[in-house]
C-alpha atoms as a PDB file:
ATOM      1  CA  VAL A   1     129.893 137.893 -34.533  1.00  0.00           C
ATOM      2  CA  PHE A   2     131.675 135.522 -36.912  1.00  0.00           C
ATOM      3  CA  LEU A   3     131.761 131.724 -36.808  1.00  0.00           C
ATOM      4  CA  ILE A   4     135.461 130.808 -37.025  1.00  0.00           C
ATOM      5  CA  PRO A   5     136.876 127.263 -37.363  1.00  0.00           C
ATOM      6  CA  LEU A   6     138.785 126.215 -34.244  1.00  0.00           C
ATOM      7  CA  ASP A   7     141.948 125.324 -36.159  1.00  0.00           C
ATOM      8  CA  GLN A   8     142.241 128.913 -37.416  1.00  0.00           C
ATOM      9  CA  ILE A   9     142.425 130.243 -33.849  1.00  0.00           C
ATOM     10  CA  HIS A  10     145.513 130.215 -31.645  1.00  0.00           C
ATOM     11  CA  PRO A  11     146.044 131.061 -27.947  1.00  0.00           C
ATOM     12  CA  ASP A  12     148.249 134.030 -27.136  1.00  0.00           C
ATOM     13  CA  PRO A  13     151.475 132.841 -25.439  1.00  0.00           C
ATOM     14  CA  GLU A  14     151.820 136.269 -23.804  1.00  0.00           C
ATOM     15  CA  GLN A  15     148.469 136.242 -22.045  1.00  0.00           C
ATOM     16  CA  PRO A  16     148.553 136.377 -18.220  1.00  0.00           C
ATOM     17  CA  ARG A  17     147.051 132.987 -17.415  1.00  0.00           C
ATOM     18  CA  LYS A  18     150.056 130.645 -17.630  1.00  0.00           C
ATOM     19  CA  SER A  19     148.282 127.564 -16.230  1.00  0.00           C
ATOM     20  CA  LEU A  20     146.484 127.080 -19.570  1.00  0.00           C
ATOM     21  CA  GLN A  21     149.449 127.448 -21.893  1.00  0.00           C
ATOM     22  CA  ALA A  22     150.091 123.796 -22.699  1.00  0.00           C
ATOM     23  CA  MET A  23     148.078 122.158 -25.470  1.00  0.00           C
ATOM     24  CA  ASP A  24     149.876 118.812 -25.205  1.00  0.00           C
ATOM     25  CA  GLY A  25     147.964 117.322 -22.291  1.00  0.00           C
ATOM     26  CA  MET A  26     150.115 119.048 -19.674  1.00  0.00           C
ATOM     27  CA  VAL A  27     147.405 121.401 -18.381  1.00  0.00           C
ATOM     28  CA  ASP A  28     147.248 120.882 -14.623  1.00  0.00           C
ATOM     29  CA  ALA A  29     144.536 118.591 -13.269  1.00  0.00           C
ATOM     30  CA  ASN A  30     142.429 121.312 -11.631  1.00  0.00           C
ATOM     31  CA  SER A  31     142.395 123.446 -14.771  1.00  0.00           C
ATOM     32  CA  GLN A  32     141.614 120.415 -16.923  1.00  0.00           C
ATOM     33  CA  GLU A  33     138.707 119.447 -14.683  1.00  0.00           C
ATOM     34  CA  ALA A  34     137.310 122.989 -14.816  1.00  0.00           C
ATOM     35  CA  LEU A  35     137.629 123.008 -18.611  1.00  0.00           C
ATOM     36  CA  ALA A  36     135.793 119.689 -18.838  1.00  0.00           C
ATOM     37  CA  GLU A  37     132.957 121.129 -16.741  1.00  0.00           C
ATOM     38  CA  LEU A  38     132.804 124.212 -18.960  1.00  0.00           C
ATOM     39  CA  ALA A  39     132.775 122.015 -22.064  1.00  0.00           C
ATOM     40  CA  ALA A  40     129.863 119.993 -20.687  1.00  0.00           C
ATOM     41  CA  ASP A  41     127.968 123.180 -19.870  1.00  0.00           C
ATOM     42  CA  ILE A  42     128.525 124.559 -23.390  1.00  0.00           C
ATOM     43  CA  ALA A  43     127.447 121.257 -24.935  1.00  0.00           C
ATOM     44  CA  ASP A  44     124.261 121.370 -22.856  1.00  0.00           C
ATOM     45  CA  GLN A  45     123.407 125.092 -22.844  1.00  0.00           C
ATOM     46  CA  GLY A  46     125.364 126.523 -25.767  1.00  0.00           C
ATOM     47  CA  LEU A  47     127.906 129.362 -25.727  1.00  0.00           C
ATOM     48  CA  HIS A  48     126.502 132.445 -24.012  1.00  0.00           C
ATOM     49  CA  HIS A  49     129.358 134.843 -24.810  1.00  0.00           C
ATOM     50  CA  PRO A  50     131.436 134.769 -28.023  1.00  0.00           C
ATOM     51  CA  ILE A  51     135.194 134.905 -27.670  1.00  0.00           C
ATOM     52  CA  THR A  52     137.220 137.880 -28.924  1.00  0.00           C
ATOM     53  CA  VAL A  53     140.035 137.475 -31.452  1.00  0.00           C
ATOM     54  CA  MET A  54     142.241 139.593 -33.668  1.00  0.00           C
ATOM     55  CA  GLU A  55     143.576 138.638 -37.102  1.00  0.00           C
ATOM     56  CA  PHE A  56     147.343 138.239 -37.022  1.00  0.00           C
ATOM     57  CA  GLU A  57     147.963 136.638 -40.405  1.00  0.00           C
ATOM     58  CA  PRO A  58     146.299 137.506 -43.726  1.00  0.00           C
ATOM     59  CA  GLY A  59     144.051 134.724 -44.890  1.00  0.00           C
ATOM     60  CA  GLY A  60     142.300 134.046 -41.638  1.00  0.00           C
ATOM     61  CA  ARG A  61     144.586 133.158 -38.709  1.00  0.00           C
ATOM     62  CA  TYR A  62     143.413 134.586 -35.428  1.00  0.00           C
ATOM     63  CA  LEU A  63     144.912 135.222 -32.000  1.00  0.00           C
ATOM     64  CA  ILE A  64     142.702 134.953 -28.930  1.00  0.00           C
ATOM     65  CA  VAL A  65     142.268 138.255 -27.098  1.00  0.00           C
ATOM     66  CA  MET A  66     139.650 137.041 -24.605  1.00  0.00           C
ATOM     67  CA  GLY A  67     138.020 133.661 -24.176  1.00  0.00           C
ATOM     68  CA  GLU A  68     140.804 131.073 -24.266  1.00  0.00           C
ATOM     69  CA  ARG A  69     138.963 128.822 -21.777  1.00  0.00           C
ATOM     70  CA  ARG A  70     135.853 128.836 -23.977  1.00  0.00           C
ATOM     71  CA  TRP A  71     137.951 127.991 -27.039  1.00  0.00           C
ATOM     72  CA  ARG A  72     139.632 125.128 -25.180  1.00  0.00           C
ATOM     73  CA  ALA A  73     136.218 123.869 -24.044  1.00  0.00           C
ATOM     74  CA  PHE A  74     135.116 123.832 -27.687  1.00  0.00           C
ATOM     75  CA  LYS A  75     138.267 121.810 -28.503  1.00  0.00           C
ATOM     76  CA  ILE A  76     137.238 119.264 -25.882  1.00  0.00           C
ATOM     77  CA  ASN A  77     133.742 119.044 -27.339  1.00  0.00           C
ATOM     78  CA  GLN A  78     135.168 118.763 -30.853  1.00  0.00           C
ATOM     79  CA  ALA A  79     137.285 115.788 -29.737  1.00  0.00           C
ATOM     80  CA  ARG A  80     134.165 114.249 -28.179  1.00  0.00           C
ATOM     81  CA  GLY A  81     132.224 114.656 -31.420  1.00  0.00           C
ATOM     82  CA  VAL A  82     129.717 117.140 -30.009  1.00  0.00           C
ATOM     83  CA  PRO A  83     127.782 118.614 -32.976  1.00  0.00           C
ATOM     84  CA  GLY A  84     128.528 122.268 -33.754  1.00  0.00           C
ATOM     85  CA  SER A  85     131.920 122.252 -32.049  1.00  0.00           C
ATOM     86  CA  ASP A  86     134.142 122.653 -35.120  1.00  0.00           C
ATOM     87  CA  ALA A  87     133.768 126.451 -35.130  1.00  0.00           C
ATOM     88  CA  ILE A  88     133.201 129.031 -32.406  1.00  0.00           C
ATOM     89  CA  PRO A  89     131.354 132.390 -32.440  1.00  0.00           C
ATOM     90  CA  ALA A  90     133.831 135.250 -32.142  1.00  0.00           C
ATOM     91  CA  PHE A  91     134.115 139.012 -32.246  1.00  0.00           C
ATOM     92  CA  ILE A  92     137.010 140.187 -34.416  1.00  0.00           C
ATOM     93  CA  ARG A  93     138.844 143.231 -33.024  1.00  0.00           C
ATOM     94  CA  GLN A  94     141.450 145.012 -35.111  1.00  0.00           C
ATOM     95  CA  ASP A  95     141.404 148.232 -33.101  1.00  0.00           C
ATOM     96  CA  LEU A  96     143.601 147.070 -30.211  1.00  0.00           C
ATOM     97  CA  SER A  97     147.131 148.391 -29.843  1.00  0.00           C
ATOM     98  CA  SER A  98     149.621 146.068 -28.172  1.00  0.00           C
ATOM     99  CA  ALA A  99     149.154 147.843 -24.838  1.00  0.00           C
ATOM    100  CA  LYS A 100     145.358 147.768 -25.051  1.00  0.00           C
ATOM    101  CA  LEU A 101     145.466 144.076 -25.981  1.00  0.00           C
ATOM    102  CA  ARG A 102     147.512 143.207 -22.902  1.00  0.00           C
ATOM    103  CA  LEU A 103     145.298 145.278 -20.605  1.00  0.00           C
ATOM    104  CA  ALA A 104     142.109 143.795 -22.065  1.00  0.00           C
ATOM    105  CA  GLN A 105     143.435 140.306 -21.347  1.00  0.00           C
ATOM    106  CA  LEU A 106     144.444 141.180 -17.802  1.00  0.00           C
ATOM    107  CA  SER A 107     141.154 142.966 -17.096  1.00  0.00           C
ATOM    108  CA  GLU A 108     139.177 139.892 -18.139  1.00  0.00           C
ATOM    109  CA  ASN A 109     141.333 137.547 -16.086  1.00  0.00           C
ATOM    110  CA  LEU A 110     141.086 139.711 -12.967  1.00  0.00           C
ATOM    111  CA  HIS A 111     137.416 138.757 -12.777  1.00  0.00           C
ATOM    112  CA  ARG A 112     138.412 135.110 -12.324  1.00  0.00           C
ATOM    113  CA  SER A 113     139.419 134.125  -8.813  1.00  0.00           C
ATOM    114  CA  ASP A 114     141.760 131.328  -9.937  1.00  0.00           C
ATOM    115  CA  LEU A 115     144.285 133.672 -11.536  1.00  0.00           C
ATOM    116  CA  SER A 116     147.118 133.791  -9.012  1.00  0.00           C
ATOM    117  CA  GLU A 117     148.516 137.096  -7.798  1.00  0.00           C
ATOM    118  CA  ILE A 118     151.977 135.932  -8.896  1.00  0.00           C
ATOM    119  CA  GLU A 119     150.652 135.581 -12.468  1.00  0.00           C
ATOM    120  CA  ILE A 120     149.099 139.045 -12.207  1.00  0.00           C
ATOM    121  CA  ALA A 121     152.342 140.539 -10.873  1.00  0.00           C
ATOM    122  CA  ASN A 122     154.504 139.029 -13.598  1.00  0.00           C
ATOM    123  CA  PHE A 123     152.081 140.150 -16.280  1.00  0.00           C
ATOM    124  CA  ILE A 124     151.936 143.727 -14.971  1.00  0.00           C
ATOM    125  CA  LYS A 125     155.740 143.792 -14.778  1.00  0.00           C
ATOM    126  CA  ASP A 126     155.971 142.640 -18.409  1.00  0.00           C
ATOM    127  CA  VAL A 127     153.441 145.272 -19.527  1.00  0.00           C
ATOM    128  CA  LEU A 128     155.297 148.075 -17.746  1.00  0.00           C
ATOM    129  CA  GLU A 129     158.608 146.931 -19.240  1.00  0.00           C
ATOM    130  CA  GLU A 130     157.129 146.599 -22.723  1.00  0.00           C
ATOM    131  CA  PHE A 131     155.435 149.995 -22.537  1.00  0.00           C
ATOM    132  CA  PRO A 132     157.712 152.232 -20.415  1.00  0.00           C
ATOM    133  CA  ASP A 133     155.567 155.312 -21.069  1.00  0.00           C
ATOM    134  CA  LEU A 134     152.658 153.674 -19.269  1.00  0.00           C
ATOM    135  CA  GLN A 135     152.522 154.964 -15.694  1.00  0.00           C
ATOM    136  CA  LYS A 136     151.363 152.907 -12.735  1.00  0.00           C
ATOM    137  CA  GLN A 137     148.573 155.404 -12.087  1.00  0.00           C
ATOM    138  CA  GLU A 138     147.350 155.105 -15.673  1.00  0.00           C
ATOM    139  CA  LEU A 139     147.560 151.331 -15.560  1.00  0.00           C
ATOM    140  CA  ALA A 140     145.626 151.244 -12.296  1.00  0.00           C
ATOM    141  CA  LYS A 141     142.910 153.470 -13.762  1.00  0.00           C
ATOM    142  CA  LEU A 142     142.562 151.254 -16.845  1.00  0.00           C
ATOM    143  CA  LEU A 143     142.217 148.205 -14.586  1.00  0.00           C
ATOM    144  CA  LYS A 144     139.783 150.055 -12.292  1.00  0.00           C
ATOM    145  CA  ARG A 145     142.152 149.646  -9.337  1.00  0.00           C
ATOM    146  CA  ASN A 146     144.317 152.116  -7.423  1.00  0.00           C
ATOM    147  CA  SER A 147     148.066 152.622  -7.715  1.00  0.00           C
ATOM    148  CA  GLN A 148     148.602 151.202  -4.212  1.00  0.00           C
ATOM    149  CA  TRP A 149     147.129 147.909  -5.454  1.00  0.00           C
ATOM    150  CA  ILE A 150     149.640 147.877  -8.313  1.00  0.00           C
ATOM    151  CA  SER A 151     152.515 148.434  -5.881  1.00  0.00           C
ATOM    152  CA  ARG A 152     151.277 145.705  -3.497  1.00  0.00           C
ATOM    153  CA  ILE A 153     150.989 143.198  -6.337  1.00  0.00           C
ATOM    154  CA  LEU A 154     154.432 144.019  -7.764  1.00  0.00           C
ATOM    155  CA  ALA A 155     156.016 143.528  -4.330  1.00  0.00           C
ATOM    156  CA  LEU A 156     155.407 139.792  -4.820  1.00  0.00           C
ATOM    157  CA  ILE A 157     158.126 139.694  -7.476  1.00  0.00           C
ATOM    158  CA  ASP A 158     160.478 142.192  -5.807  1.00  0.00           C
ATOM    159  CA  PRO A 159     163.863 140.423  -5.389  1.00  0.00           C
ATOM    160  CA  ARG A 160     163.981 141.623  -1.772  1.00  0.00           C
ATOM    161  CA  TRP A 161     161.104 139.283  -0.936  1.00  0.00           C
ATOM    162  CA  ALA A 162     161.961 136.426  -3.307  1.00  0.00           C
ATOM    163  CA  HIS A 163     162.993 134.084  -0.467  1.00  0.00           C
ATOM    164  CA  ILE A 164     159.608 134.649   1.195  1.00  0.00           C
ATOM    165  CA  VAL A 165     157.489 134.200  -1.936  1.00  0.00           C
ATOM    166  CA  ASP A 166     159.493 131.519  -3.756  1.00  0.00           C
ATOM    167  CA  SER A 167     159.499 129.327  -0.664  1.00  0.00           C
ATOM    168  CA  GLY A 168     155.711 129.555  -0.403  1.00  0.00           C
ATOM    169  CA  VAL A 169     155.852 131.206   3.006  1.00  0.00           C
ATOM    170  CA  ILE A 170     153.705 134.029   1.577  1.00  0.00           C
ATOM    171  CA  SER A 171     151.755 133.784  -1.666  1.00  0.00           C
ATOM    172  CA  TYR A 172     149.449 136.803  -1.786  1.00  0.00           C
ATOM    173  CA  ALA A 173     150.021 140.526  -1.759  1.00  0.00           C
ATOM    174  CA  ALA A 174     147.906 141.662   1.198  1.00  0.00           C
ATOM    175  CA  LEU A 175     149.748 139.302   3.556  1.00  0.00           C
ATOM    176  CA  LEU A 176     153.137 140.343   2.218  1.00  0.00           C
ATOM    177  CA  GLU A 177     152.234 143.974   2.857  1.00  0.00           C
ATOM    178  CA  GLN A 178     151.496 143.139   6.504  1.00  0.00           C
ATOM    179  CA  TYR A 179     154.744 141.168   6.754  1.00  0.00           C
ATOM    180  CA  ARG A 180     156.800 144.026   5.290  1.00  0.00           C
ATOM    181  CA  ALA A 181     155.473 146.390   7.971  1.00  0.00           C
ATOM    182  CA  LEU A 182     156.974 144.272  10.773  1.00  0.00           C
ATOM    183  CA  PRO A 183     160.389 144.999  12.296  1.00  0.00           C
ATOM    184  CA  GLU A 184     163.163 143.047  10.575  1.00  0.00           C
ATOM    185  CA  HIS A 185     163.818 140.797  13.571  1.00  0.00           C
ATOM    186  CA  LYS A 186     160.127 139.805  13.611  1.00  0.00           C
ATOM    187  CA  GLN A 187     160.214 139.111   9.892  1.00  0.00           C
ATOM    188  CA  ALA A 188     163.208 136.829  10.354  1.00  0.00           C
ATOM    189  CA  GLU A 189     161.570 135.071  13.286  1.00  0.00           C
ATOM    190  CA  LEU A 190     158.361 134.379  11.348  1.00  0.00           C
ATOM    191  CA  TYR A 191     160.292 133.189   8.296  1.00  0.00           C
ATOM    192  CA  ARG A 192     162.332 130.741  10.393  1.00  0.00           C
ATOM    193  CA  ARG A 193     159.206 129.413  12.090  1.00  0.00           C
ATOM    194  CA  ALA A 194     157.294 128.939   8.832  1.00  0.00           C
ATOM    195  CA  THR A 195     160.156 127.180   7.068  1.00  0.00           C
ATOM    196  CA  SER A 196     160.917 124.921  10.042  1.00  0.00           C
ATOM    197  CA  GLU A 197     157.239 123.955  10.266  1.00  0.00           C
ATOM    198  CA  GLN A 198     157.006 123.682   6.457  1.00  0.00           C
ATOM    199  CA  ARG A 199     153.907 125.812   6.168  1.00  0.00           C
ATOM    200  CA  SER A 200     152.702 129.180   4.936  1.00  0.00           C
ATOM    201  CA  LEU A 201     152.247 132.157   7.215  1.00  0.00           C
ATOM    202  CA  THR A 202     148.761 133.326   8.123  1.00  0.00           C
ATOM    203  CA  SER A 203     147.375 136.734   8.994  1.00  0.00           C
ATOM    204  CA  GLY A 204     147.056 135.413  12.554  1.00  0.00           C
ATOM    205  CA  ASP A 205     150.812 134.761  12.696  1.00  0.00           C
ATOM    206  CA  ILE A 206     151.542 138.294  11.615  1.00  0.00           C
ATOM    207  CA  ARG A 207     148.966 139.824  13.947  1.00  0.00           C
ATOM    208  CA  GLN A 208     150.489 137.955  16.860  1.00  0.00           C
ATOM    209  CA  ALA A 209     154.005 139.072  15.899  1.00  0.00           C
ATOM    210  CA  ARG A 210     152.816 142.665  15.621  1.00  0.00           C
ATOM    211  CA  GLU A 211     151.220 142.550  19.062  1.00  0.00           C
ATOM    212  CA  GLN A 212     154.429 141.146  20.558  1.00  0.00           C
ATOM    213  CA  ALA A 213     156.714 143.628  18.828  1.00  0.00           C
END
C-alpha cells in the first residue's frame, strides 16, 4: 500500500458509474449526499480499504481502477481541512490489461445497488465492442453471472425497446424480459396505458396482462 497525493490521482472517464463523472459541482444531489456521508465516516473512522490505481504517466500520475467514491470522499475532507486527507492509501496495479481493467471496475460496481442497470448495460456493450474476441459466456463467468443475465441486461439498450426504456416505462431488465414475453397487442396496450398515465409499468401490470391474454 502506497500513500499517494490526491492531486496525482485521476478518475477514469471510461468507468461504468457515470453519475460520479463531474468534478465541477455537477454531481447529482443524491450522489453528493452519499459522498458527504462517506467522507464523514472516513474522517471519523479512517479508511478501511485502500483504493486501487494504475500508473498511466511516468513520474507518478495514476488512474483510479477501483475506489473513486473513496477518493472523492478524501477530496471533500481535504477541502474541509480534515488532517491526513491530502493523500490516500492505494494499491498500485500494473498487471491489468485493458479488458481486465474494465471488468474489475464493473465487478466492483455490481456490488453497489445504486449502479443502474442502464449504466451496466452500456458498459457491457462498450466492453464487448472494444474487445470483440470476448464472448458473452466468458464475460458472464468473469462477472460471476450467467450468460442469460448478460442478454437480459443488454436488452435494455436494444433499439427495439428504446421507446419503452427511454420513456421510463420500464427501467430494469427483469421487468423488460416479462414485457417482451407478452403478445405484441398486449405490449402496445400496456405502453399506451403507462404513457397516458405518465407512470412506469409494474410487475403487477404485466402479470394482469398475461392473465388476460
